[in-house]
Amino acid sequence: MKTASLPSLRVDPELRAAAESVLKEGETLSAFVETSVKQQVHYRKTQAEFIARGLASREEAKRTGEYYDADEVHAELRAMLEAKRAERGR
């Protein structure tokens, strides 16, 4: 696979020093920057998908007139969480 470069980035010396100060053993600054970019791309895609699902859900509720009370949803989620915790405890 052919690789591409990200644009060169000028930063304050303090930011560079801060980034270098948190590098893991054997990790390069370039690897750190690449990992950071990948994480932000993943986060933003996930965030956009979450918002899209929420908007679609809102439209479906408007279309059907079927809405759910927040307390009921929270209770159902709590029950699901407790069931999973009990499952793990076995």
PDB file of N, CA and C in Angstrom:
ATOM      1  N   MET A   1       0.843  -1.165   0.000  1.00  0.00           N
ATOM      2  CA  MET A   1       0.000   0.000   0.000  1.00  0.00           C
ATOM      3  C   MET A   1       0.893   1.233   0.000  1.00  0.00           C
ATOM      4  N   LYS A   2       0.556   2.160  -0.842  1.00  0.00           N
ATOM      5  CA  LYS A   2       1.294   3.412  -0.912  1.00  0.00           C
ATOM      6  C   LYS A   2       0.905   4.288   0.276  1.00  0.00           C
ATOM      7  N   THR A   3       1.866   4.966   0.864  1.00  0.00           N
ATOM      8  CA  THR A   3       1.576   5.825   2.007  1.00  0.00           C
ATOM      9  C   THR A   3       1.483   7.280   1.564  1.00  0.00           C
ATOM     10  N   ALA A   4       0.887   8.077   2.427  1.00  0.00           N
ATOM     11  CA  ALA A   4       0.774   9.517   2.185  1.00  0.00           C
ATOM     12  C   ALA A   4       1.262  10.234   3.428  1.00  0.00           C
ATOM     13  N   SER A   5       1.528  11.513   3.286  1.00  0.00           N
ATOM     14  CA  SER A   5       2.009  12.307   4.417  1.00  0.00           C
ATOM     15  C   SER A   5       0.912  13.235   4.901  1.00  0.00           C
ATOM     16  N   LEU A   6       0.948  13.505   6.199  1.00  0.00           N
ATOM     17  CA  LEU A   6       0.103  14.552   6.750  1.00  0.00           C
ATOM     18  C   LEU A   6       0.857  15.863   6.606  1.00  0.00           C
ATOM     19  N   PRO A   7       0.144  16.973   6.609  1.00  0.00           N
ATOM     20  CA  PRO A   7       0.835  18.269   6.497  1.00  0.00           C
ATOM     21  C   PRO A   7       1.791  18.492   7.666  1.00  0.00           C
ATOM     22  N   SER A   8       2.857  19.188   7.381  1.00  0.00           N
ATOM     23  CA  SER A   8       3.794  19.570   8.422  1.00  0.00           C
ATOM     24  C   SER A   8       3.061  20.478   9.402  1.00  0.00           C
ATOM     25  N   LEU A   9       3.404  20.368  10.659  1.00  0.00           N
ATOM     26  CA  LEU A   9       2.670  21.095  11.685  1.00  0.00           C
ATOM     27  C   LEU A   9       3.620  21.886  12.558  1.00  0.00           C
ATOM     28  N   ARG A  10       3.410  23.188  12.625  1.00  0.00           N
ATOM     29  CA  ARG A  10       4.219  24.037  13.489  1.00  0.00           C
ATOM     30  C   ARG A  10       3.469  24.221  14.797  1.00  0.00           C
ATOM     31  N   VAL A  11       4.175  23.996  15.916  1.00  0.00           N
ATOM     32  CA  VAL A  11       3.555  24.129  17.236  1.00  0.00           C
ATOM     33  C   VAL A  11       4.494  24.896  18.158  1.00  0.00           C
ATOM     34  N   ASP A  12       3.952  25.376  19.252  1.00  0.00           N
ATOM     35  CA  ASP A  12       4.784  26.010  20.270  1.00  0.00           C
ATOM     36  C   ASP A  12       5.751  24.980  20.838  1.00  0.00           C
ATOM     37  N   PRO A  13       6.935  25.408  21.195  1.00  0.00           N
ATOM     38  CA  PRO A  13       7.900  24.487  21.802  1.00  0.00           C
ATOM     39  C   PRO A  13       7.342  23.797  23.056  1.00  0.00           C
ATOM     40  N   GLU A  14       6.473  24.498  23.791  1.00  0.00           N
ATOM     41  CA  GLU A  14       5.886  23.912  25.000  1.00  0.00           C
ATOM     42  C   GLU A  14       4.997  22.709  24.662  1.00  0.00           C
ATOM     43  N   LEU A  15       4.240  22.814  23.563  1.00  0.00           N
ATOM     44  CA  LEU A  15       3.378  21.700  23.168  1.00  0.00           C
ATOM     45  C   LEU A  15       4.219  20.514  22.735  1.00  0.00           C
ATOM     46  N   ARG A  16       5.261  20.781  21.974  1.00  0.00           N
ATOM     47  CA  ARG A  16       6.134  19.685  21.552  1.00  0.00           C
ATOM     48  C   ARG A  16       6.758  19.005  22.767  1.00  0.00           C
ATOM     49  N   ALA A  17       7.241  19.802  23.714  1.00  0.00           N
ATOM     50  CA  ALA A  17       7.847  19.240  24.928  1.00  0.00           C
ATOM     51  C   ALA A  17       6.825  18.428  25.717  1.00  0.00           C
ATOM     52  N   ALA A  18       5.611  18.933  25.801  1.00  0.00           N
ATOM     53  CA  ALA A  18       4.561  18.209  26.526  1.00  0.00           C
ATOM     54  C   ALA A  18       4.273  16.867  25.851  1.00  0.00           C
ATOM     55  N   ALA A  19       4.203  16.866  24.515  1.00  0.00           N
ATOM     56  CA  ALA A  19       3.965  15.616  23.776  1.00  0.00           C
ATOM     57  C   ALA A  19       5.113  14.641  23.988  1.00  0.00           C
ATOM     58  N   GLU A  20       6.326  15.145  23.904  1.00  0.00           N
ATOM     59  CA  GLU A  20       7.493  14.275  24.088  1.00  0.00           C
ATOM     60  C   GLU A  20       7.548  13.720  25.510  1.00  0.00           C
ATOM     61  N   SER A  21       7.045  14.488  26.466  1.00  0.00           N
ATOM     62  CA  SER A  21       7.119  14.041  27.860  1.00  0.00           C
ATOM     63  C   SER A  21       6.201  12.865  28.168  1.00  0.00           C
ATOM     64  N   VAL A  22       5.224  12.614  27.311  1.00  0.00           N
ATOM     65  CA  VAL A  22       4.289  11.511  27.571  1.00  0.00           C
ATOM     66  C   VAL A  22       4.504  10.315  26.639  1.00  0.00           C
ATOM     67  N   LEU A  23       5.553  10.356  25.841  1.00  0.00           N
ATOM     68  CA  LEU A  23       5.831   9.239  24.951  1.00  0.00           C
ATOM     69  C   LEU A  23       6.155   7.990  25.758  1.00  0.00           C
ATOM     70  N   LYS A  24       5.675   6.851  25.272  1.00  0.00           N
ATOM     71  CA  LYS A  24       6.002   5.572  25.893  1.00  0.00           C
ATOM     72  C   LYS A  24       7.392   5.160  25.444  1.00  0.00           C
ATOM     73  N   GLU A  25       7.968   4.228  26.159  1.00  0.00           N
ATOM     74  CA  GLU A  25       9.314   3.767  25.817  1.00  0.00           C
ATOM     75  C   GLU A  25       9.338   3.238  24.384  1.00  0.00           C
ATOM     76  N   GLY A  26      10.247   3.759  23.592  1.00  0.00           N
ATOM     77  CA  GLY A  26      10.395   3.330  22.205  1.00  0.00           C
ATOM     78  C   GLY A  26       9.431   3.998  21.235  1.00  0.00           C
ATOM     79  N   GLU A  27       8.510   4.797  21.728  1.00  0.00           N
ATOM     80  CA  GLU A  27       7.535   5.465  20.870  1.00  0.00           C
ATOM     81  C   GLU A  27       8.142   6.746  20.301  1.00  0.00           C
ATOM     82  N   THR A  28       7.886   6.979  19.035  1.00  0.00           N
ATOM     83  CA  THR A  28       8.368   8.209  18.398  1.00  0.00           C
ATOM     84  C   THR A  28       7.266   9.262  18.422  1.00  0.00           C
ATOM     85  N   LEU A  29       7.677  10.499  18.264  1.00  0.00           N
ATOM     86  CA  LEU A  29       6.705  11.588  18.199  1.00  0.00           C
ATOM     87  C   LEU A  29       5.793  11.395  16.984  1.00  0.00           C
ATOM     88  N   SER A  30       6.357  10.926  15.882  1.00  0.00           N
ATOM     89  CA  SER A  30       5.543  10.675  14.675  1.00  0.00           C
ATOM     90  C   SER A  30       4.481   9.614  14.939  1.00  0.00           C
ATOM     91  N   ALA A  31       4.854   8.555  15.639  1.00  0.00           N
ATOM     92  CA  ALA A  31       3.892   7.491  15.956  1.00  0.00           C
ATOM     93  C   ALA A  31       2.797   8.023  16.878  1.00  0.00           C
ATOM     94  N   PHE A  32       3.206   8.856  17.833  1.00  0.00           N
ATOM     95  CA  PHE A  32       2.247   9.467  18.750  1.00  0.00           C
ATOM     96  C   PHE A  32       1.237  10.325  17.984  1.00  0.00           C
ATOM     97  N   VAL A  33       1.721  11.143  17.069  1.00  0.00           N
ATOM     98  CA  VAL A  33       0.846  12.012  16.281  1.00  0.00           C
ATOM     99  C   VAL A  33      -0.078  11.161  15.405  1.00  0.00           C
ATOM    100  N   GLU A  34       0.449  10.131  14.779  1.00  0.00           N
ATOM    101  CA  GLU A  34      -0.373   9.260  13.928  1.00  0.00           C
ATOM    102  C   GLU A  34      -1.482   8.605  14.744  1.00  0.00           C
ATOM    103  N   THR A  35      -1.145   8.088  15.916  1.00  0.00           N
ATOM    104  CA  THR A  35      -2.142   7.455  16.784  1.00  0.00           C
ATOM    105  C   THR A  35      -3.204   8.459  17.204  1.00  0.00           C
ATOM    106  N   SER A  36      -2.776   9.668  17.532  1.00  0.00           N
ATOM    107  CA  SER A  36      -3.717  10.715  17.936  1.00  0.00           C
ATOM    108  C   SER A  36      -4.684  11.058  16.808  1.00  0.00           C
ATOM    109  N   VAL A  37      -4.185  11.161  15.594  1.00  0.00           N
ATOM    110  CA  VAL A  37      -5.039  11.465  14.442  1.00  0.00           C
ATOM    111  C   VAL A  37      -6.032  10.327  14.223  1.00  0.00           C
ATOM    112  N   LYS A  38      -5.571   9.086  14.289  1.00  0.00           N
ATOM    113  CA  LYS A  38      -6.466   7.930  14.114  1.00  0.00           C
ATOM    114  C   LYS A  38      -7.572   7.941  15.166  1.00  0.00           C
ATOM    115  N   GLN A  39      -7.209   8.228  16.414  1.00  0.00           N
ATOM    116  CA  GLN A  39      -8.210   8.250  17.481  1.00  0.00           C
ATOM    117  C   GLN A  39      -9.240   9.348  17.254  1.00  0.00           C
ATOM    118  N   GLN A  40      -8.811  10.506  16.800  1.00  0.00           N
ATOM    119  CA  GLN A  40      -9.744  11.603  16.542  1.00  0.00           C
ATOM    120  C   GLN A  40     -10.659  11.291  15.357  1.00  0.00           C
ATOM    121  N   VAL A  41     -10.121  10.660  14.334  1.00  0.00           N
ATOM    122  CA  VAL A  41     -10.947  10.267  13.185  1.00  0.00           C
ATOM    123  C   VAL A  41     -12.021   9.287  13.653  1.00  0.00           C
ATOM    124  N   HIS A  42     -11.626   8.295  14.442  1.00  0.00           N
ATOM    125  CA  HIS A  42     -12.578   7.303  14.953  1.00  0.00           C
ATOM    126  C   HIS A  42     -13.635   7.985  15.830  1.00  0.00           C
ATOM    127  N   TYR A  43     -13.184   8.854  16.741  1.00  0.00           N
ATOM    128  CA  TYR A  43     -14.099   9.553  17.642  1.00  0.00           C
ATOM    129  C   TYR A  43     -15.120  10.384  16.858  1.00  0.00           C
ATOM    130  N   ARG A  44     -14.656  11.123  15.880  1.00  0.00           N
ATOM    131  CA  ARG A  44     -15.564  12.000  15.133  1.00  0.00           C
ATOM    132  C   ARG A  44     -16.554  11.212  14.282  1.00  0.00           C
ATOM    133  N   LYS A  45     -16.102  10.099  13.703  1.00  0.00           N
ATOM    134  CA  LYS A  45     -17.025   9.253  12.939  1.00  0.00           C
ATOM    135  C   LYS A  45     -18.077   8.655  13.865  1.00  0.00           C
ATOM    136  N   THR A  46     -17.634   8.168  15.017  1.00  0.00           N
ATOM    137  CA  THR A  46     -18.553   7.580  15.988  1.00  0.00           C
ATOM    138  C   THR A  46     -19.550   8.624  16.476  1.00  0.00           C
ATOM    139  N   GLN A  47     -19.064   9.822  16.746  1.00  0.00           N
ATOM    140  CA  GLN A  47     -19.928  10.908  17.201  1.00  0.00           C
ATOM    141  C   GLN A  47     -20.964  11.262  16.126  1.00  0.00           C
ATOM    142  N   ALA A  48     -20.545  11.343  14.884  1.00  0.00           N
ATOM    143  CA  ALA A  48     -21.471  11.662  13.787  1.00  0.00           C
ATOM    144  C   ALA A  48     -22.527  10.571  13.629  1.00  0.00           C
ATOM    145  N   GLU A  49     -22.117   9.299  13.759  1.00  0.00           N
ATOM    146  CA  GLU A  49     -23.068   8.189  13.657  1.00  0.00           C
ATOM    147  C   GLU A  49     -24.070   8.229  14.809  1.00  0.00           C
ATOM    148  N   PHE A  50     -23.590   8.553  16.017  1.00  0.00           N
ATOM    149  CA  PHE A  50     -24.459   8.651  17.185  1.00  0.00           C
ATOM    150  C   PHE A  50     -25.521   9.732  16.971  1.00  0.00           C
ATOM    151  N   ILE A  51     -25.083  10.873  16.486  1.00  0.00           N
ATOM    152  CA  ILE A  51     -26.013  11.980  16.244  1.00  0.00           C
ATOM    153  C   ILE A  51     -27.020  11.599  15.155  1.00  0.00           C
ATOM    154  N   ALA A  52     -26.542  10.944  14.114  1.00  0.00           N
ATOM    155  CA  ALA A  52     -27.440  10.513  13.037  1.00  0.00           C
ATOM    156  C   ALA A  52     -28.494   9.542  13.566  1.00  0.00           C
ATOM    157  N   ARG A  53     -28.087   8.606  14.434  1.00  0.00           N
ATOM    158  CA  ARG A  53     -29.056   7.661  15.007  1.00  0.00           C
ATOM    159  C   ARG A  53     -30.082   8.392  15.872  1.00  0.00           C
ATOM    160  N   GLY A  54     -29.600   9.376  16.642  1.00  0.00           N
ATOM    161  CA  GLY A  54     -30.514  10.144  17.482  1.00  0.00           C
ATOM    162  C   GLY A  54     -31.529  10.924  16.667  1.00  0.00           C
ATOM    163  N   LEU A  55     -31.059  11.559  15.602  1.00  0.00           N
ATOM    164  CA  LEU A  55     -31.972  12.316  14.736  1.00  0.00           C
ATOM    165  C   LEU A  55     -32.973  11.390  14.046  1.00  0.00           C
ATOM    166  N   ALA A  56     -32.509  10.220  13.618  1.00  0.00           N
ATOM    167  CA  ALA A  56     -33.412   9.250  12.981  1.00  0.00           C
ATOM    168  C   ALA A  56     -34.448   8.757  13.988  1.00  0.00           C
ATOM    169  N   SER A  57     -34.014   8.548  15.218  1.00  0.00           N
ATOM    170  CA  SER A  57     -34.936   8.114  16.265  1.00  0.00           C
ATOM    171  C   SER A  57     -35.982   9.184  16.543  1.00  0.00           C
ATOM    172  N   ARG A  58     -35.545  10.436  16.572  1.00  0.00           N
ATOM    173  CA  ARG A  58     -36.475  11.540  16.782  1.00  0.00           C
ATOM    174  C   ARG A  58     -37.520  11.574  15.670  1.00  0.00           C
ATOM    175  N   GLU A  59     -37.070  11.423  14.430  1.00  0.00           N
ATOM    176  CA  GLU A  59     -37.997  11.448  13.299  1.00  0.00           C
ATOM    177  C   GLU A  59     -38.967  10.275  13.355  1.00  0.00           C
ATOM    178  N   GLU A  60     -38.463   9.114  13.772  1.00  0.00           N
ATOM    179  CA  GLU A  60     -39.345   7.934  13.893  1.00  0.00           C
ATOM    180  C   GLU A  60     -40.389   8.173  14.978  1.00  0.00           C
ATOM    181  N   ALA A  61     -39.996   8.778  16.078  1.00  0.00           N
ATOM    182  CA  ALA A  61     -40.948   9.071  17.149  1.00  0.00           C
ATOM    183  C   ALA A  61     -42.002  10.074  16.668  1.00  0.00           C
ATOM    184  N   LYS A  62     -41.574  11.074  15.924  1.00  0.00           N
ATOM    185  CA  LYS A  62     -42.537  12.039  15.379  1.00  0.00           C
ATOM    186  C   LYS A  62     -43.509  11.350  14.424  1.00  0.00           C
ATOM    187  N   ARG A  63     -42.956  10.447  13.608  1.00  0.00           N
ATOM    188  CA  ARG A  63     -43.777   9.760  12.615  1.00  0.00           C
ATOM    189  C   ARG A  63     -44.812   8.853  13.266  1.00  0.00           C
ATOM    190  N   THR A  64     -44.391   8.094  14.282  1.00  0.00           N
ATOM    191  CA  THR A  64     -45.279   7.112  14.903  1.00  0.00           C
ATOM    192  C   THR A  64     -46.043   7.661  16.094  1.00  0.00           C
ATOM    193  N   GLY A  65     -45.548   8.762  16.664  1.00  0.00           N
ATOM    194  CA  GLY A  65     -46.177   9.296  17.870  1.00  0.00           C
ATOM    195  C   GLY A  65     -45.832   8.489  19.110  1.00  0.00           C
ATOM    196  N   GLU A  66     -44.882   7.579  18.973  1.00  0.00           N
ATOM    197  CA  GLU A  66     -44.495   6.716  20.098  1.00  0.00           C
ATOM    198  C   GLU A  66     -43.234   7.272  20.765  1.00  0.00           C
ATOM    199  N   TYR A  67     -43.412   7.710  21.995  1.00  0.00           N
ATOM    200  CA  TYR A  67     -42.310   8.275  22.767  1.00  0.00           C
ATOM    201  C   TYR A  67     -42.132   7.451  24.036  1.00  0.00           C
ATOM    202  N   TYR A  68     -40.947   7.508  24.624  1.00  0.00           N
ATOM    203  CA  TYR A  68     -40.660   6.767  25.845  1.00  0.00           C
ATOM    204  C   TYR A  68     -40.218   7.736  26.929  1.00  0.00           C
ATOM    205  N   ASP A  69     -40.746   7.518  28.125  1.00  0.00           N
ATOM    206  CA  ASP A  69     -40.385   8.318  29.276  1.00  0.00           C
ATOM    207  C   ASP A  69     -38.942   8.016  29.680  1.00  0.00           C
ATOM    208  N   ALA A  70     -38.165   9.054  29.974  1.00  0.00           N
ATOM    209  CA  ALA A  70     -36.748   8.885  30.326  1.00  0.00           C
ATOM    210  C   ALA A  70     -36.581   7.965  31.528  1.00  0.00           C
ATOM    211  N   ASP A  71     -37.454   8.085  32.524  1.00  0.00           N
ATOM    212  CA  ASP A  71     -37.339   7.228  33.713  1.00  0.00           C
ATOM    213  C   ASP A  71     -37.513   5.754  33.352  1.00  0.00           C
ATOM    214  N   GLU A  72     -38.422   5.476  32.423  1.00  0.00           N
ATOM    215  CA  GLU A  72     -38.625   4.091  31.983  1.00  0.00           C
ATOM    216  C   GLU A  72     -37.389   3.566  31.252  1.00  0.00           C
ATOM    217  N   VAL A  73     -36.819   4.398  30.400  1.00  0.00           N
ATOM    218  CA  VAL A  73     -35.618   3.993  29.655  1.00  0.00           C
ATOM    219  C   VAL A  73     -34.467   3.743  30.623  1.00  0.00           C
ATOM    220  N   HIS A  74     -34.293   4.651  31.577  1.00  0.00           N
ATOM    221  CA  HIS A  74     -33.217   4.483  32.564  1.00  0.00           C
ATOM    222  C   HIS A  74     -33.408   3.211  33.376  1.00  0.00           C
ATOM    223  N   ALA A  75     -34.634   2.921  33.763  1.00  0.00           N
ATOM    224  CA  ALA A  75     -34.921   1.702  34.521  1.00  0.00           C
ATOM    225  C   ALA A  75     -34.588   0.461  33.693  1.00  0.00           C
ATOM    226  N   GLU A  76     -34.934   0.489  32.419  1.00  0.00           N
ATOM    227  CA  GLU A  76     -34.641  -0.650  31.549  1.00  0.00           C
ATOM    228  C   GLU A  76     -33.132  -0.824  31.367  1.00  0.00           C
ATOM    229  N   LEU A  77     -32.428   0.266  31.175  1.00  0.00           N
ATOM    230  CA  LEU A  77     -30.970   0.194  31.036  1.00  0.00           C
ATOM    231  C   LEU A  77     -30.320  -0.299  32.328  1.00  0.00           C
ATOM    232  N   ARG A  78     -30.827   0.177  33.465  1.00  0.00           N
ATOM    233  CA  ARG A  78     -30.311  -0.273  34.761  1.00  0.00           C
ATOM    234  C   ARG A  78     -30.508  -1.778  34.920  1.00  0.00           C
ATOM    235  N   ALA A  79     -31.671  -2.271  34.540  1.00  0.00           N
ATOM    236  CA  ALA A  79     -31.965  -3.704  34.631  1.00  0.00           C
ATOM    237  C   ALA A  79     -31.034  -4.507  33.729  1.00  0.00           C
ATOM    238  N   MET A  80     -30.775  -3.989  32.526  1.00  0.00           N
ATOM    239  CA  MET A  80     -29.859  -4.670  31.608  1.00  0.00           C
ATOM    240  C   MET A  80     -28.452  -4.724  32.201  1.00  0.00           C
ATOM    241  N   LEU A  81     -28.014  -3.624  32.792  1.00  0.00           N
ATOM    242  CA  LEU A  81     -26.690  -3.566  33.400  1.00  0.00           C
ATOM    243  C   LEU A  81     -26.587  -4.533  34.569  1.00  0.00           C
ATOM    244  N   GLU A  82     -27.598  -4.565  35.425  1.00  0.00           N
ATOM    245  CA  GLU A  82     -27.596  -5.475  36.570  1.00  0.00           C
ATOM    246  C   GLU A  82     -27.587  -6.928  36.116  1.00  0.00           C
ATOM    247  N   ALA A  83     -28.310  -7.243  35.042  1.00  0.00           N
ATOM    248  CA  ALA A  83     -28.328  -8.595  34.516  1.00  0.00           C
ATOM    249  C   ALA A  83     -26.948  -8.996  34.017  1.00  0.00           C
ATOM    250  N   LYS A  84     -26.255  -8.087  33.320  1.00  0.00           N
ATOM    251  CA  LYS A  84     -24.903  -8.382  32.826  1.00  0.00           C
ATOM    252  C   LYS A  84     -23.931  -8.571  33.979  1.00  0.00           C
ATOM    253  N   ARG A  85     -24.075  -7.732  35.018  1.00  0.00           N
ATOM    254  CA  ARG A  85     -23.193  -7.873  36.173  1.00  0.00           C
ATOM    255  C   ARG A  85     -23.430  -9.198  36.876  1.00  0.00           C
ATOM    256  N   ALA A  86     -24.684  -9.595  36.992  1.00  0.00           N
ATOM    257  CA  ALA A  86     -25.007 -10.879  37.613  1.00  0.00           C
ATOM    258  C   ALA A  86     -24.465 -12.036  36.777  1.00  0.00           C
ATOM    259  N   GLU A  87     -24.525 -11.880  35.465  1.00  0.00           N
ATOM    260  CA  GLU A  87     -24.010 -12.897  34.537  1.00  0.00           C
ATOM    261  C   GLU A  87     -22.508 -13.072  34.718  1.00  0.00           C
ATOM    262  N   ARG A  88     -21.797 -11.973  34.894  1.00  0.00           N
ATOM    263  CA  ARG A  88     -20.346 -12.024  35.092  1.00  0.00           C
ATOM    264  C   ARG A  88     -19.986 -12.647  36.426  1.00  0.00           C
ATOM    265  N   GLY A  89     -20.826 -12.432  37.413  1.00  0.00           N
ATOM    266  CA  GLY A  89     -20.567 -12.938  38.762  1.00  0.00           C
ATOM    267  C   GLY A  89     -20.666 -14.441  38.883  1.00  0.00           C
ATOM    268  N   ARG A  90     -21.242 -15.071  37.907  1.00  0.00           N
ATOM    269  CA  ARG A  90     -21.411 -16.546  37.942  1.00  0.00           C
ATOM    270  C   ARG A  90     -20.125 -17.259  37.698  1.00  0.00           C
TER     271      ARG A  90
END
